C-alpha atoms as a PDB file:
ATOM      1  CA  MET A   1     -37.529   6.302  18.138  1.00  0.00           C
ATOM      2  CA  ASN A   2     -38.273   9.738  16.951  1.00  0.00           C
ATOM      3  CA  SER A   3     -36.341  11.594  14.289  1.00  0.00           C
ATOM      4  CA  LYS A   4     -34.412  13.838  16.702  1.00  0.00           C
ATOM      5  CA  SER A   5     -33.120  10.995  18.798  1.00  0.00           C
ATOM      6  CA  LYS A   6     -32.072   9.062  15.697  1.00  0.00           C
ATOM      7  CA  LYS A   7     -30.152  12.081  14.428  1.00  0.00           C
ATOM      8  CA  LEU A   8     -28.476  12.534  17.809  1.00  0.00           C
ATOM      9  CA  GLU A   9     -27.540   8.874  17.918  1.00  0.00           C
ATOM     10  CA  LEU A  10     -26.114   9.001  14.398  1.00  0.00           C
ATOM     11  CA  LYS A  11     -24.159  12.127  15.262  1.00  0.00           C
ATOM     12  CA  SER A  12     -22.779  10.428  18.368  1.00  0.00           C
ATOM     13  CA  ILE A  13     -21.753   7.372  16.361  1.00  0.00           C
ATOM     14  CA  LYS A  14     -20.107   9.572  13.746  1.00  0.00           C
ATOM     15  CA  THR A  15     -18.167  11.422  16.439  1.00  0.00           C
ATOM     16  CA  GLN A  16     -17.023   8.148  17.989  1.00  0.00           C
ATOM     17  CA  LEU A  17     -15.843   6.885  14.612  1.00  0.00           C
ATOM     18  CA  GLN A  18     -13.947  10.097  13.944  1.00  0.00           C
ATOM     19  CA  LYS A  19     -12.217   9.821  17.319  1.00  0.00           C
ATOM     20  CA  ARG A  20     -11.351   6.196  16.616  1.00  0.00           C
ATOM     21  CA  ASP A  21      -9.975   7.091  13.191  1.00  0.00           C
ATOM     22  CA  HIS A  22      -7.847   9.813  14.747  1.00  0.00           C
ATOM     23  CA  GLU A  23      -6.530   7.388  17.356  1.00  0.00           C
ATOM     24  CA  ILE A  24      -5.669   4.873  14.625  1.00  0.00           C
ATOM     25  CA  ILE A  25      -3.739   7.537  12.726  1.00  0.00           C
ATOM     26  CA  LEU A  26      -1.821   8.456  15.882  1.00  0.00           C
ATOM     27  CA  LEU A  27      -1.024   4.823  16.618  1.00  0.00           C
ATOM     28  CA  LYS A  28       0.219   4.267  13.074  1.00  0.00           C
ATOM     29  CA  SER A  29       2.430   7.329  13.412  1.00  0.00           C
ATOM     30  CA  ILE A  30       3.849   6.065  16.707  1.00  0.00           C
ATOM     31  CA  LEU A  31       4.449   2.628  15.200  1.00  0.00           C
ATOM     32  CA  LYS A  32       6.284   4.175  12.271  1.00  0.00           C
ATOM     33  CA  LYS A  33       8.530   6.160  14.640  1.00  0.00           C
ATOM     34  CA  VAL A  34       9.237   3.088  16.768  1.00  0.00           C
ATOM     35  CA  ARG A  35      10.182   1.077  13.687  1.00  0.00           C
ATOM     36  CA  SER A  36      12.452   3.858  12.523  1.00  0.00           C
ATOM     37  CA  LEU A  37      14.170   4.040  15.903  1.00  0.00           C
ATOM     38  CA  LYS A  38      14.548   0.262  15.949  1.00  0.00           C
ATOM     39  CA  GLU A  39      16.168   0.324  12.513  1.00  0.00           C
ATOM     40  CA  LYS A  40      18.550   3.078  13.623  1.00  0.00           C
ATOM     41  CA  LYS A  41      19.445   1.093  16.730  1.00  0.00           C
ATOM     42  CA  ASN A  42      20.157  -2.011  14.652  1.00  0.00           C
ATOM     43  CA  LYS A  43      22.241   0.007  12.210  1.00  0.00           C
ATOM     44  CA  VAL A  44      24.301   1.512  15.024  1.00  0.00           C
ATOM     45  CA  LYS A  45      24.750  -1.951  16.503  1.00  0.00           C
ATOM     46  CA  GLU A  46      25.919  -3.314  13.133  1.00  0.00           C
ATOM     47  CA  GLU A  47      28.310  -0.416  12.684  1.00  0.00           C
ATOM     48  CA  SER A  48      29.673  -0.986  16.155  1.00  0.00           C
ATOM     49  CA  VAL A  49      30.258  -4.679  15.461  1.00  0.00           C
ATOM     50  CA  LEU A  50      31.971  -3.861  12.178  1.00  0.00           C
ATOM     51  CA  GLU A  51      34.115  -1.240  13.855  1.00  0.00           C
ATOM     52  CA  ASN A  52      35.130  -3.719  16.555  1.00  0.00           C
ATOM     53  CA  LEU A  53      36.041  -6.317  13.941  1.00  0.00           C
ATOM     54  CA  GLU A  54      38.055  -3.767  12.034  1.00  0.00           C
ATOM     55  CA  ASN A  55      39.909  -2.782  15.192  1.00  0.00           C
ATOM     56  CA  GLU A  56      40.648  -6.400  15.991  1.00  0.00           C
ATOM     57  CA  LEU A  57      41.928  -6.994  12.472  1.00  0.00           C
ATOM     58  CA  ASN A  58      44.124  -3.920  12.692  1.00  0.00           C
ATOM     59  CA  SER A  59      45.548  -5.029  16.010  1.00  0.00           C
ATOM     60  CA  ILE A  60      46.292  -8.470  14.573  1.00  0.00           C
ATOM     61  CA  MET A  61      47.955  -6.946  11.510  1.00  0.00           C
ATOM     62  CA  ASP A  62      50.161  -4.694  13.630  1.00  0.00           C
END
């Protein structure tokens, strides 16, 4: 292989790695958002259960 083709190949590999790194960063960001939404959903669900229990207790006490 001559020097020019080696340089082109290295440049291509570098570009591919940069694209892959960017994709990994995006995927990590998406994963973080999904986890956050899942936590919010669970929190809302817990609050709803607690609210229902409180309402039931209040109705029993009345």
